[in-house]
Amino acid sequence: MASLNGLMLDDVSAKGASITNANLSDLEIKDAQMGGAYIHNIGMPPEGHPFYDPNAKQRPLRFEDCNLEGTTFADCNLTDVSITDSNTTGMTIDGVLVSELFKAYQSLKK
């Protein structure tokens, strides 16, 4: 296992890089182009993994000032996720436009 704790990289090209079985807690990625990135199996180690802890709780992630246009979230736990001050034009949840969900919600409130 390599330890890169506290590593700082600037002006780096890591195109095609792969990180597997890593603890990236408190990682900050800033001013980066991540088009085509495939991010999967993120969270606490699953049961059966050597570092599995049934009492561990996933710490929240924060995305700020990100262009996620065309991004897909599939089979994700979005419990207690908050989306604020964001453009949701064309955004769907299970195929339903968020704008239509807002309209339906507003009509129920009346």
PDB file of N, CA and C in Angstrom:
ATOM      1  N   MET A   1       0.850  -1.183   0.000  1.00  0.00           N
ATOM      2  CA  MET A   1       0.000   0.000   0.000  1.00  0.00           C
ATOM      3  C   MET A   1       0.888   1.235   0.000  1.00  0.00           C
ATOM      4  N   ALA A   2       0.622   2.136  -0.910  1.00  0.00           N
ATOM      5  CA  ALA A   2       1.360   3.400  -0.974  1.00  0.00           C
ATOM      6  C   ALA A   2       0.587   4.458  -0.203  1.00  0.00           C
ATOM      7  N   SER A   3       1.280   5.258   0.602  1.00  0.00           N
ATOM      8  CA  SER A   3       0.646   6.359   1.328  1.00  0.00           C
ATOM      9  C   SER A   3       1.037   7.664   0.658  1.00  0.00           C
ATOM     10  N   LEU A   4       0.023   8.389   0.187  1.00  0.00           N
ATOM     11  CA  LEU A   4       0.243   9.696  -0.432  1.00  0.00           C
ATOM     12  C   LEU A   4      -0.437  10.778   0.398  1.00  0.00           C
ATOM     13  N   ASN A   5      -0.586  10.548   1.706  1.00  0.00           N
ATOM     14  CA  ASN A   5      -1.251  11.508   2.582  1.00  0.00           C
ATOM     15  C   ASN A   5      -0.614  12.881   2.437  1.00  0.00           C
ATOM     16  N   GLY A   6      -1.455  13.901   2.266  1.00  0.00           N
ATOM     17  CA  GLY A   6      -0.976  15.279   2.163  1.00  0.00           C
ATOM     18  C   GLY A   6      -0.383  15.631   0.814  1.00  0.00           C
ATOM     19  N   LEU A   7      -0.448  14.727  -0.156  1.00  0.00           N
ATOM     20  CA  LEU A   7       0.105  14.976  -1.488  1.00  0.00           C
ATOM     21  C   LEU A   7      -0.611  16.138  -2.155  1.00  0.00           C
ATOM     22  N   MET A   8       0.140  17.041  -2.761  1.00  0.00           N
ATOM     23  CA  MET A   8      -0.431  18.150  -3.530  1.00  0.00           C
ATOM     24  C   MET A   8       0.175  18.098  -4.925  1.00  0.00           C
ATOM     25  N   LEU A   9      -0.680  18.087  -5.944  1.00  0.00           N
ATOM     26  CA  LEU A   9      -0.231  18.075  -7.330  1.00  0.00           C
ATOM     27  C   LEU A   9      -0.792  19.306  -8.017  1.00  0.00           C
ATOM     28  N   ASP A  10      -0.003  19.959  -8.863  1.00  0.00           N
ATOM     29  CA  ASP A  10      -0.442  21.158  -9.575  1.00  0.00           C
ATOM     30  C   ASP A  10      -0.008  21.034 -11.026  1.00  0.00           C
ATOM     31  N   ASP A  11      -0.896  21.434 -11.947  1.00  0.00           N
ATOM     32  CA  ASP A  11      -0.599  21.404 -13.378  1.00  0.00           C
ATOM     33  C   ASP A  11      -0.200  19.992 -13.818  1.00  0.00           C
ATOM     34  N   VAL A  12      -1.120  19.051 -13.578  1.00  0.00           N
ATOM     35  CA  VAL A  12      -0.849  17.634 -13.808  1.00  0.00           C
ATOM     36  C   VAL A  12      -1.800  17.081 -14.857  1.00  0.00           C
ATOM     37  N   SER A  13      -1.306  16.245 -15.741  1.00  0.00           N
ATOM     38  CA  SER A  13      -2.154  15.473 -16.638  1.00  0.00           C
ATOM     39  C   SER A  13      -2.159  14.043 -16.125  1.00  0.00           C
ATOM     40  N   ALA A  14      -3.346  13.538 -15.805  1.00  0.00           N
ATOM     41  CA  ALA A  14      -3.480  12.163 -15.338  1.00  0.00           C
ATOM     42  C   ALA A  14      -4.508  11.432 -16.200  1.00  0.00           C
ATOM     43  N   LYS A  15      -4.583  11.802 -17.474  1.00  0.00           N
ATOM     44  CA  LYS A  15      -5.545  11.203 -18.401  1.00  0.00           C
ATOM     45  C   LYS A  15      -5.365   9.690 -18.411  1.00  0.00           C
ATOM     46  N   GLY A  16      -6.463   8.972 -18.245  1.00  0.00           N
ATOM     47  CA  GLY A  16      -6.426   7.514 -18.253  1.00  0.00           C
ATOM     48  C   GLY A  16      -5.975   6.904 -16.937  1.00  0.00           C
ATOM     49  N   ALA A  17      -5.742   7.721 -15.906  1.00  0.00           N
ATOM     50  CA  ALA A  17      -5.316   7.198 -14.606  1.00  0.00           C
ATOM     51  C   ALA A  17      -6.452   6.409 -13.965  1.00  0.00           C
ATOM     52  N   SER A  18      -6.107   5.490 -13.109  1.00  0.00           N
ATOM     53  CA  SER A  18      -7.087   4.679 -12.398  1.00  0.00           C
ATOM     54  C   SER A  18      -6.681   4.587 -10.931  1.00  0.00           C
ATOM     55  N   ILE A  19      -7.647   4.771 -10.038  1.00  0.00           N
ATOM     56  CA  ILE A  19      -7.408   4.638  -8.604  1.00  0.00           C
ATOM     57  C   ILE A  19      -8.379   3.577  -8.102  1.00  0.00           C
ATOM     58  N   THR A  20      -7.862   2.533  -7.475  1.00  0.00           N
ATOM     59  CA  THR A  20      -8.679   1.425  -7.001  1.00  0.00           C
ATOM     60  C   THR A  20      -8.353   1.137  -5.542  1.00  0.00           C
ATOM     61  N   ASN A  21      -9.370   0.734  -4.764  1.00  0.00           N
ATOM     62  CA  ASN A  21      -9.186   0.398  -3.353  1.00  0.00           C
ATOM     63  C   ASN A  21      -8.439   1.499  -2.615  1.00  0.00           C
ATOM     64  N   ALA A  22      -8.975   2.715  -2.661  1.00  0.00           N
ATOM     65  CA  ALA A  22      -8.291   3.873  -2.084  1.00  0.00           C
ATOM     66  C   ALA A  22      -9.157   4.575  -1.051  1.00  0.00           C
ATOM     67  N   ASN A  23      -8.515   5.152  -0.059  1.00  0.00           N
ATOM     68  CA  ASN A  23      -9.188   6.039   0.891  1.00  0.00           C
ATOM     69  C   ASN A  23      -8.896   7.455   0.435  1.00  0.00           C
ATOM     70  N   LEU A  24      -9.895   8.112  -0.126  1.00  0.00           N
ATOM     71  CA  LEU A  24      -9.734   9.476  -0.636  1.00  0.00           C
ATOM     72  C   LEU A  24     -10.486  10.474   0.242  1.00  0.00           C
ATOM     73  N   SER A  25     -10.644  10.152   1.525  1.00  0.00           N
ATOM     74  CA  SER A  25     -11.319  11.060   2.449  1.00  0.00           C
ATOM     75  C   SER A  25     -10.646  12.419   2.421  1.00  0.00           C
ATOM     76  N   ASP A  26     -11.463  13.465   2.413  1.00  0.00           N
ATOM     77  CA  ASP A  26     -11.003  14.858   2.414  1.00  0.00           C
ATOM     78  C   ASP A  26     -10.247  15.243   1.141  1.00  0.00           C
ATOM     79  N   LEU A  27     -10.397  14.463   0.076  1.00  0.00           N
ATOM     80  CA  LEU A  27      -9.807  14.796  -1.219  1.00  0.00           C
ATOM     81  C   LEU A  27     -10.441  16.067  -1.759  1.00  0.00           C
ATOM     82  N   GLU A  28      -9.655  16.950  -2.318  1.00  0.00           N
ATOM     83  CA  GLU A  28     -10.174  18.145  -2.988  1.00  0.00           C
ATOM     84  C   GLU A  28      -9.663  18.142  -4.417  1.00  0.00           C
ATOM     85  N   ILE A  29     -10.585  18.223  -5.363  1.00  0.00           N
ATOM     86  CA  ILE A  29     -10.240  18.347  -6.776  1.00  0.00           C
ATOM     87  C   ILE A  29     -10.752  19.700  -7.214  1.00  0.00           C
ATOM     88  N   LYS A  30      -9.873  20.530  -7.729  1.00  0.00           N
ATOM     89  CA  LYS A  30     -10.229  21.910  -8.061  1.00  0.00           C
ATOM     90  C   LYS A  30      -9.705  22.243  -9.453  1.00  0.00           C
ATOM     91  N   ASP A  31     -10.493  23.023 -10.204  1.00  0.00           N
ATOM     92  CA  ASP A  31     -10.087  23.477 -11.535  1.00  0.00           C
ATOM     93  C   ASP A  31      -9.647  22.307 -12.412  1.00  0.00           C
ATOM     94  N   ALA A  32     -10.456  21.246 -12.421  1.00  0.00           N
ATOM     95  CA  ALA A  32     -10.102  20.041 -13.169  1.00  0.00           C
ATOM     96  C   ALA A  32     -11.130  19.756 -14.252  1.00  0.00           C
ATOM     97  N   GLN A  33     -10.700  19.215 -15.358  1.00  0.00           N
ATOM     98  CA  GLN A  33     -11.565  18.738 -16.434  1.00  0.00           C
ATOM     99  C   GLN A  33     -11.701  17.247 -16.225  1.00  0.00           C
ATOM    100  N   MET A  34     -12.934  16.767 -16.022  1.00  0.00           N
ATOM    101  CA  MET A  34     -13.148  15.349 -15.748  1.00  0.00           C
ATOM    102  C   MET A  34     -14.084  14.704 -16.755  1.00  0.00           C
ATOM    103  N   GLY A  35     -14.233  15.296 -17.943  1.00  0.00           N
ATOM    104  CA  GLY A  35     -15.107  14.738 -18.961  1.00  0.00           C
ATOM    105  C   GLY A  35     -14.764  13.287 -19.246  1.00  0.00           C
ATOM    106  N   GLY A  36     -15.765  12.443 -19.289  1.00  0.00           N
ATOM    107  CA  GLY A  36     -15.560  11.025 -19.561  1.00  0.00           C
ATOM    108  C   GLY A  36     -15.188  10.217 -18.329  1.00  0.00           C
ATOM    109  N   ALA A  37     -15.076  10.873 -17.169  1.00  0.00           N
ATOM    110  CA  ALA A  37     -14.723  10.145 -15.950  1.00  0.00           C
ATOM    111  C   ALA A  37     -15.815   9.134 -15.609  1.00  0.00           C
ATOM    112  N   TYR A  38     -15.431   8.018 -15.076  1.00  0.00           N
ATOM    113  CA  TYR A  38     -16.354   6.971 -14.633  1.00  0.00           C
ATOM    114  C   TYR A  38     -16.084   6.746 -13.155  1.00  0.00           C
ATOM    115  N   ILE A  39     -16.979   7.207 -12.314  1.00  0.00           N
ATOM    116  CA  ILE A  39     -16.808   7.130 -10.866  1.00  0.00           C
ATOM    117  C   ILE A  39     -17.833   6.130 -10.355  1.00  0.00           C
ATOM    118  N   HIS A  40     -17.373   5.057  -9.731  1.00  0.00           N
ATOM    119  CA  HIS A  40     -18.300   4.001  -9.319  1.00  0.00           C
ATOM    120  C   HIS A  40     -17.806   3.294  -8.063  1.00  0.00           C
ATOM    121  N   ASN A  41     -18.735   2.587  -7.420  1.00  0.00           N
ATOM    122  CA  ASN A  41     -18.450   1.865  -6.178  1.00  0.00           C
ATOM    123  C   ASN A  41     -17.821   2.783  -5.135  1.00  0.00           C
ATOM    124  N   ILE A  42     -18.424   3.952  -4.949  1.00  0.00           N
ATOM    125  CA  ILE A  42     -17.921   4.941  -4.005  1.00  0.00           C
ATOM    126  C   ILE A  42     -18.719   4.838  -2.711  1.00  0.00           C
ATOM    127  N   GLY A  43     -18.059   4.857  -1.597  1.00  0.00           N
ATOM    128  CA  GLY A  43     -18.718   4.797  -0.293  1.00  0.00           C
ATOM    129  C   GLY A  43     -17.904   3.948   0.660  1.00  0.00           C
ATOM    130  N   MET A  44     -18.546   3.538   1.711  1.00  0.00           N
ATOM    131  CA  MET A  44     -17.874   2.727   2.716  1.00  0.00           C
ATOM    132  C   MET A  44     -17.617   1.327   2.156  1.00  0.00           C
ATOM    133  N   PRO A  45     -16.566   0.651   2.638  1.00  0.00           N
ATOM    134  CA  PRO A  45     -16.295  -0.711   2.170  1.00  0.00           C
ATOM    135  C   PRO A  45     -17.493  -1.623   2.442  1.00  0.00           C
ATOM    136  N   PRO A  46     -17.864  -2.436   1.462  1.00  0.00           N
ATOM    137  CA  PRO A  46     -19.027  -3.312   1.632  1.00  0.00           C
ATOM    138  C   PRO A  46     -18.713  -4.509   2.529  1.00  0.00           C
ATOM    139  N   GLU A  47     -19.764  -5.153   3.005  1.00  0.00           N
ATOM    140  CA  GLU A  47     -19.596  -6.358   3.811  1.00  0.00           C
ATOM    141  C   GLU A  47     -18.741  -7.358   3.042  1.00  0.00           C
ATOM    142  N   GLY A  48     -17.803  -7.978   3.715  1.00  0.00           N
ATOM    143  CA  GLY A  48     -16.888  -8.915   3.072  1.00  0.00           C
ATOM    144  C   GLY A  48     -15.551  -8.284   2.728  1.00  0.00           C
ATOM    145  N   HIS A  49     -15.494  -6.960   2.663  1.00  0.00           N
ATOM    146  CA  HIS A  49     -14.240  -6.246   2.404  1.00  0.00           C
ATOM    147  C   HIS A  49     -13.421  -6.243   3.694  1.00  0.00           C
ATOM    148  N   PRO A  50     -12.090  -6.357   3.603  1.00  0.00           N
ATOM    149  CA  PRO A  50     -11.260  -6.398   4.820  1.00  0.00           C
ATOM    150  C   PRO A  50     -11.436  -5.182   5.741  1.00  0.00           C
ATOM    151  N   PHE A  51     -11.797  -4.027   5.199  1.00  0.00           N
ATOM    152  CA  PHE A  51     -11.952  -2.827   6.021  1.00  0.00           C
ATOM    153  C   PHE A  51     -13.419  -2.511   6.330  1.00  0.00           C
ATOM    154  N   TYR A  52     -14.314  -3.475   6.099  1.00  0.00           N
ATOM    155  CA  TYR A  52     -15.738  -3.271   6.381  1.00  0.00           C
ATOM    156  C   TYR A  52     -15.948  -3.010   7.866  1.00  0.00           C
ATOM    157  N   ASP A  53     -16.747  -2.003   8.173  1.00  0.00           N
ATOM    158  CA  ASP A  53     -17.116  -1.679   9.553  1.00  0.00           C
ATOM    159  C   ASP A  53     -18.620  -1.420   9.563  1.00  0.00           C
ATOM    160  N   PRO A  54     -19.411  -2.302  10.177  1.00  0.00           N
ATOM    161  CA  PRO A  54     -20.863  -2.134  10.145  1.00  0.00           C
ATOM    162  C   PRO A  54     -21.337  -0.856  10.847  1.00  0.00           C
ATOM    163  N   ASN A  55     -20.501  -0.265  11.675  1.00  0.00           N
ATOM    164  CA  ASN A  55     -20.881   0.962  12.389  1.00  0.00           C
ATOM    165  C   ASN A  55     -20.411   2.235  11.687  1.00  0.00           C
ATOM    166  N   ALA A  56     -19.651   2.092  10.624  1.00  0.00           N
ATOM    167  CA  ALA A  56     -19.130   3.268   9.912  1.00  0.00           C
ATOM    168  C   ALA A  56     -20.252   3.938   9.129  1.00  0.00           C
ATOM    169  N   LYS A  57     -20.189   5.253   9.045  1.00  0.00           N
ATOM    170  CA  LYS A  57     -21.191   6.023   8.298  1.00  0.00           C
ATOM    171  C   LYS A  57     -20.463   6.864   7.257  1.00  0.00           C
ATOM    172  N   GLN A  58     -20.975   6.852   6.035  1.00  0.00           N
ATOM    173  CA  GLN A  58     -20.392   7.638   4.942  1.00  0.00           C
ATOM    174  C   GLN A  58     -20.465   9.122   5.271  1.00  0.00           C
ATOM    175  N   ARG A  59     -19.340   9.814   5.178  1.00  0.00           N
ATOM    176  CA  ARG A  59     -19.345  11.265   5.348  1.00  0.00           C
ATOM    177  C   ARG A  59     -19.860  11.899   4.063  1.00  0.00           C
ATOM    178  N   PRO A  60     -20.570  13.033   4.162  1.00  0.00           N
ATOM    179  CA  PRO A  60     -21.122  13.665   2.966  1.00  0.00           C
ATOM    180  C   PRO A  60     -20.041  14.184   2.018  1.00  0.00           C
ATOM    181  N   LEU A  61     -20.377  14.199   0.744  1.00  0.00           N
ATOM    182  CA  LEU A  61     -19.525  14.796  -0.283  1.00  0.00           C
ATOM    183  C   LEU A  61     -20.110  16.153  -0.631  1.00  0.00           C
ATOM    184  N   ARG A  62     -19.307  17.029  -1.206  1.00  0.00           N
ATOM    185  CA  ARG A  62     -19.811  18.347  -1.608  1.00  0.00           C
ATOM    186  C   ARG A  62     -19.323  18.652  -3.017  1.00  0.00           C
ATOM    187  N   PHE A  63     -20.273  18.939  -3.897  1.00  0.00           N
ATOM    188  CA  PHE A  63     -19.974  19.378  -5.251  1.00  0.00           C
ATOM    189  C   PHE A  63     -20.374  20.839  -5.327  1.00  0.00           C
ATOM    190  N   GLU A  64     -19.469  21.692  -5.731  1.00  0.00           N
ATOM    191  CA  GLU A  64     -19.744  23.128  -5.770  1.00  0.00           C
ATOM    192  C   GLU A  64     -19.174  23.711  -7.055  1.00  0.00           C
ATOM    193  N   ASP A  65     -19.971  24.534  -7.728  1.00  0.00           N
ATOM    194  CA  ASP A  65     -19.547  25.183  -8.971  1.00  0.00           C
ATOM    195  C   ASP A  65     -19.039  24.149  -9.976  1.00  0.00           C
ATOM    196  N   CYS A  66     -19.852  23.108 -10.201  1.00  0.00           N
ATOM    197  CA  CYS A  66     -19.485  22.017 -11.111  1.00  0.00           C
ATOM    198  C   CYS A  66     -20.420  22.009 -12.311  1.00  0.00           C
ATOM    199  N   ASN A  67     -19.890  21.715 -13.477  1.00  0.00           N
ATOM    200  CA  ASN A  67     -20.710  21.507 -14.660  1.00  0.00           C
ATOM    201  C   ASN A  67     -20.908  20.005 -14.795  1.00  0.00           C
ATOM    202  N   LEU A  68     -22.091  19.538 -14.441  1.00  0.00           N
ATOM    203  CA  LEU A  68     -22.405  18.113 -14.518  1.00  0.00           C
ATOM    204  C   LEU A  68     -23.380  17.827 -15.654  1.00  0.00           C
ATOM    205  N   GLU A  69     -23.404  18.714 -16.652  1.00  0.00           N
ATOM    206  CA  GLU A  69     -24.312  18.582 -17.790  1.00  0.00           C
ATOM    207  C   GLU A  69     -24.157  17.216 -18.438  1.00  0.00           C
ATOM    208  N   GLY A  70     -25.285  16.517 -18.611  1.00  0.00           N
ATOM    209  CA  GLY A  70     -25.287  15.212 -19.267  1.00  0.00           C
ATOM    210  C   GLY A  70     -24.843  14.066 -18.371  1.00  0.00           C
ATOM    211  N   THR A  71     -24.571  14.344 -17.113  1.00  0.00           N
ATOM    212  CA  THR A  71     -24.099  13.320 -16.180  1.00  0.00           C
ATOM    213  C   THR A  71     -25.242  12.385 -15.795  1.00  0.00           C
ATOM    214  N   THR A  72     -24.933  11.123 -15.574  1.00  0.00           N
ATOM    215  CA  THR A  72     -25.911  10.138 -15.140  1.00  0.00           C
ATOM    216  C   THR A  72     -25.549   9.634 -13.751  1.00  0.00           C
ATOM    217  N   PHE A  73     -26.536   9.616 -12.864  1.00  0.00           N
ATOM    218  CA  PHE A  73     -26.390   8.989 -11.558  1.00  0.00           C
ATOM    219  C   PHE A  73     -27.276   7.747 -11.597  1.00  0.00           C
ATOM    220  N   ALA A  74     -26.712   6.564 -11.442  1.00  0.00           N
ATOM    221  CA  ALA A  74     -27.485   5.328 -11.498  1.00  0.00           C
ATOM    222  C   ALA A  74     -27.158   4.466 -10.285  1.00  0.00           C
ATOM    223  N   ASP A  75     -28.177   3.865  -9.707  1.00  0.00           N
ATOM    224  CA  ASP A  75     -28.028   2.988  -8.549  1.00  0.00           C
ATOM    225  C   ASP A  75     -27.246   3.692  -7.438  1.00  0.00           C
ATOM    226  N   CYS A  76     -27.615   4.954  -7.161  1.00  0.00           N
ATOM    227  CA  CYS A  76     -26.938   5.769  -6.142  1.00  0.00           C
ATOM    228  C   CYS A  76     -27.858   5.985  -4.950  1.00  0.00           C
ATOM    229  N   ASN A  77     -27.292   6.003  -3.766  1.00  0.00           N
ATOM    230  CA  ASN A  77     -28.045   6.360  -2.570  1.00  0.00           C
ATOM    231  C   ASN A  77     -27.976   7.872  -2.435  1.00  0.00           C
ATOM    232  N   LEU A  78     -29.080   8.548  -2.698  1.00  0.00           N
ATOM    233  CA  LEU A  78     -29.138  10.009  -2.636  1.00  0.00           C
ATOM    234  C   LEU A  78     -29.931  10.469  -1.412  1.00  0.00           C
ATOM    235  N   THR A  79     -29.963   9.649  -0.374  1.00  0.00           N
ATOM    236  CA  THR A  79     -30.658  10.005   0.856  1.00  0.00           C
ATOM    237  C   THR A  79     -30.127  11.321   1.399  1.00  0.00           C
ATOM    238  N   ASP A  80     -31.029  12.234   1.704  1.00  0.00           N
ATOM    239  CA  ASP A  80     -30.705  13.542   2.290  1.00  0.00           C
ATOM    240  C   ASP A  80     -29.838  14.422   1.390  1.00  0.00           C
ATOM    241  N   VAL A  81     -29.807  14.159   0.084  1.00  0.00           N
ATOM    242  CA  VAL A  81     -29.070  15.017  -0.852  1.00  0.00           C
ATOM    243  C   VAL A  81     -29.820  16.333  -1.005  1.00  0.00           C
ATOM    244  N   SER A  82     -29.093  17.421  -1.073  1.00  0.00           N
ATOM    245  CA  SER A  82     -29.682  18.751  -1.245  1.00  0.00           C
ATOM    246  C   SER A  82     -29.114  19.377  -2.513  1.00  0.00           C
ATOM    247  N   ILE A  83     -29.995  19.884  -3.375  1.00  0.00           N
ATOM    248  CA  ILE A  83     -29.576  20.601  -4.582  1.00  0.00           C
ATOM    249  C   ILE A  83     -30.074  22.025  -4.430  1.00  0.00           C
ATOM    250  N   THR A  84     -29.170  22.992  -4.399  1.00  0.00           N
ATOM    251  CA  THR A  84     -29.545  24.394  -4.220  1.00  0.00           C
ATOM    252  C   THR A  84     -28.856  25.265  -5.257  1.00  0.00           C
ATOM    253  N   ASP A  85     -29.520  26.357  -5.618  1.00  0.00           N
ATOM    254  CA  ASP A  85     -28.954  27.351  -6.538  1.00  0.00           C
ATOM    255  C   ASP A  85     -28.352  26.701  -7.778  1.00  0.00           C
ATOM    256  N   SER A  86     -29.067  25.732  -8.359  1.00  0.00           N
ATOM    257  CA  SER A  86     -28.546  24.981  -9.499  1.00  0.00           C
ATOM    258  C   SER A  86     -29.534  25.006 -10.659  1.00  0.00           C
ATOM    259  N   ASN A  87     -29.007  24.980 -11.879  1.00  0.00           N
ATOM    260  CA  ASN A  87     -29.824  24.914 -13.084  1.00  0.00           C
ATOM    261  C   ASN A  87     -30.227  23.459 -13.296  1.00  0.00           C
ATOM    262  N   THR A  88     -31.518  23.168 -13.203  1.00  0.00           N
ATOM    263  CA  THR A  88     -32.003  21.797 -13.367  1.00  0.00           C
ATOM    264  C   THR A  88     -32.761  21.606 -14.680  1.00  0.00           C
ATOM    265  N   THR A  89     -32.550  22.497 -15.648  1.00  0.00           N
ATOM    266  CA  THR A  89     -33.219  22.402 -16.943  1.00  0.00           C
ATOM    267  C   THR A  89     -32.936  21.042 -17.580  1.00  0.00           C
ATOM    268  N   GLY A  90     -33.983  20.307 -17.908  1.00  0.00           N
ATOM    269  CA  GLY A  90     -33.831  19.006 -18.554  1.00  0.00           C
ATOM    270  C   GLY A  90     -33.487  17.874 -17.608  1.00  0.00           C
ATOM    271  N   MET A  91     -33.282  18.173 -16.337  1.00  0.00           N
ATOM    272  CA  MET A  91     -32.938  17.135 -15.362  1.00  0.00           C
ATOM    273  C   MET A  91     -34.144  16.236 -15.122  1.00  0.00           C
ATOM    274  N   THR A  92     -33.905  14.924 -15.093  1.00  0.00           N
ATOM    275  CA  THR A  92     -34.978  13.969 -14.834  1.00  0.00           C
ATOM    276  C   THR A  92     -34.632  13.090 -13.640  1.00  0.00           C
ATOM    277  N   ILE A  93     -35.672  12.609 -12.992  1.00  0.00           N
ATOM    278  CA  ILE A  93     -35.538  11.594 -11.947  1.00  0.00           C
ATOM    279  C   ILE A  93     -36.425  10.443 -12.378  1.00  0.00           C
ATOM    280  N   ASP A  94     -35.823   9.301 -12.617  1.00  0.00           N
ATOM    281  CA  ASP A  94     -36.540   8.131 -13.134  1.00  0.00           C
ATOM    282  C   ASP A  94     -37.397   8.488 -14.340  1.00  0.00           C
ATOM    283  N   GLY A  95     -36.847   9.318 -15.234  1.00  0.00           N
ATOM    284  CA  GLY A  95     -37.499   9.671 -16.488  1.00  0.00           C
ATOM    285  C   GLY A  95     -38.490  10.820 -16.405  1.00  0.00           C
ATOM    286  N   VAL A  96     -38.732  11.360 -15.217  1.00  0.00           N
ATOM    287  CA  VAL A  96     -39.687  12.461 -15.041  1.00  0.00           C
ATOM    288  C   VAL A  96     -38.910  13.764 -14.895  1.00  0.00           C
ATOM    289  N   LEU A  97     -39.275  14.759 -15.717  1.00  0.00           N
ATOM    290  CA  LEU A  97     -38.603  16.051 -15.630  1.00  0.00           C
ATOM    291  C   LEU A  97     -38.805  16.668 -14.249  1.00  0.00           C
ATOM    292  N   VAL A  98     -37.738  17.161 -13.666  1.00  0.00           N
ATOM    293  CA  VAL A  98     -37.819  17.813 -12.361  1.00  0.00           C
ATOM    294  C   VAL A  98     -38.750  19.016 -12.434  1.00  0.00           C
ATOM    295  N   SER A  99     -38.731  19.734 -13.554  1.00  0.00           N
ATOM    296  CA  SER A  99     -39.627  20.891 -13.705  1.00  0.00           C
ATOM    297  C   SER A  99     -41.089  20.458 -13.603  1.00  0.00           C
ATOM    298  N   GLU A 100     -41.427  19.282 -14.147  1.00  0.00           N
ATOM    299  CA  GLU A 100     -42.794  18.763 -14.045  1.00  0.00           C
ATOM    300  C   GLU A 100     -43.111  18.347 -12.604  1.00  0.00           C
ATOM    301  N   LEU A 101     -42.138  17.799 -11.913  1.00  0.00           N
ATOM    302  CA  LEU A 101     -42.343  17.445 -10.509  1.00  0.00           C
ATOM    303  C   LEU A 101     -42.627  18.690  -9.677  1.00  0.00           C
ATOM    304  N   PHE A 102     -41.880  19.777  -9.949  1.00  0.00           N
ATOM    305  CA  PHE A 102     -42.114  21.041  -9.242  1.00  0.00           C
ATOM    306  C   PHE A 102     -43.517  21.569  -9.524  1.00  0.00           C
ATOM    307  N   LYS A 103     -43.938  21.494 -10.792  1.00  0.00           N
ATOM    308  CA  LYS A 103     -45.283  21.961 -11.152  1.00  0.00           C
ATOM    309  C   LYS A 103     -46.346  21.167 -10.397  1.00  0.00           C
ATOM    310  N   ALA A 104     -46.194  19.849 -10.367  1.00  0.00           N
ATOM    311  CA  ALA A 104     -47.159  19.000  -9.663  1.00  0.00           C
ATOM    312  C   ALA A 104     -47.163  19.319  -8.170  1.00  0.00           C
ATOM    313  N   TYR A 105     -46.009  19.534  -7.612  1.00  0.00           N
ATOM    314  CA  TYR A 105     -45.895  19.877  -6.191  1.00  0.00           C
ATOM    315  C   TYR A 105     -46.596  21.201  -5.899  1.00  0.00           C
ATOM    316  N   GLN A 106     -46.344  22.202  -6.741  1.00  0.00           N
ATOM    317  CA  GLN A 106     -46.971  23.514  -6.549  1.00  0.00           C
ATOM    318  C   GLN A 106     -48.493  23.425  -6.647  1.00  0.00           C
ATOM    319  N   SER A 107     -49.008  22.610  -7.574  1.00  0.00           N
ATOM    320  CA  SER A 107     -50.466  22.490  -7.714  1.00  0.00           C
ATOM    321  C   SER A 107     -51.084  21.789  -6.502  1.00  0.00           C
ATOM    322  N   LEU A 108     -50.348  20.888  -5.873  1.00  0.00           N
ATOM    323  CA  LEU A 108     -50.850  20.212  -4.675  1.00  0.00           C
ATOM    324  C   LEU A 108     -50.872  21.143  -3.468  1.00  0.00           C
ATOM    325  N   LYS A 109     -49.968  22.108  -3.448  1.00  0.00           N
ATOM    326  CA  LYS A 109     -49.882  23.043  -2.324  1.00  0.00           C
ATOM    327  C   LYS A 109     -51.026  24.046  -2.319  1.00  0.00           C
ATOM    328  N   LYS A 110     -51.680  24.238  -3.466  1.00  0.00           N
ATOM    329  CA  LYS A 110     -52.749  25.247  -3.577  1.00  0.00           C
ATOM    330  C   LYS A 110     -54.036  24.778  -2.973  1.00  0.00           C
TER     331      LYS A 110
END
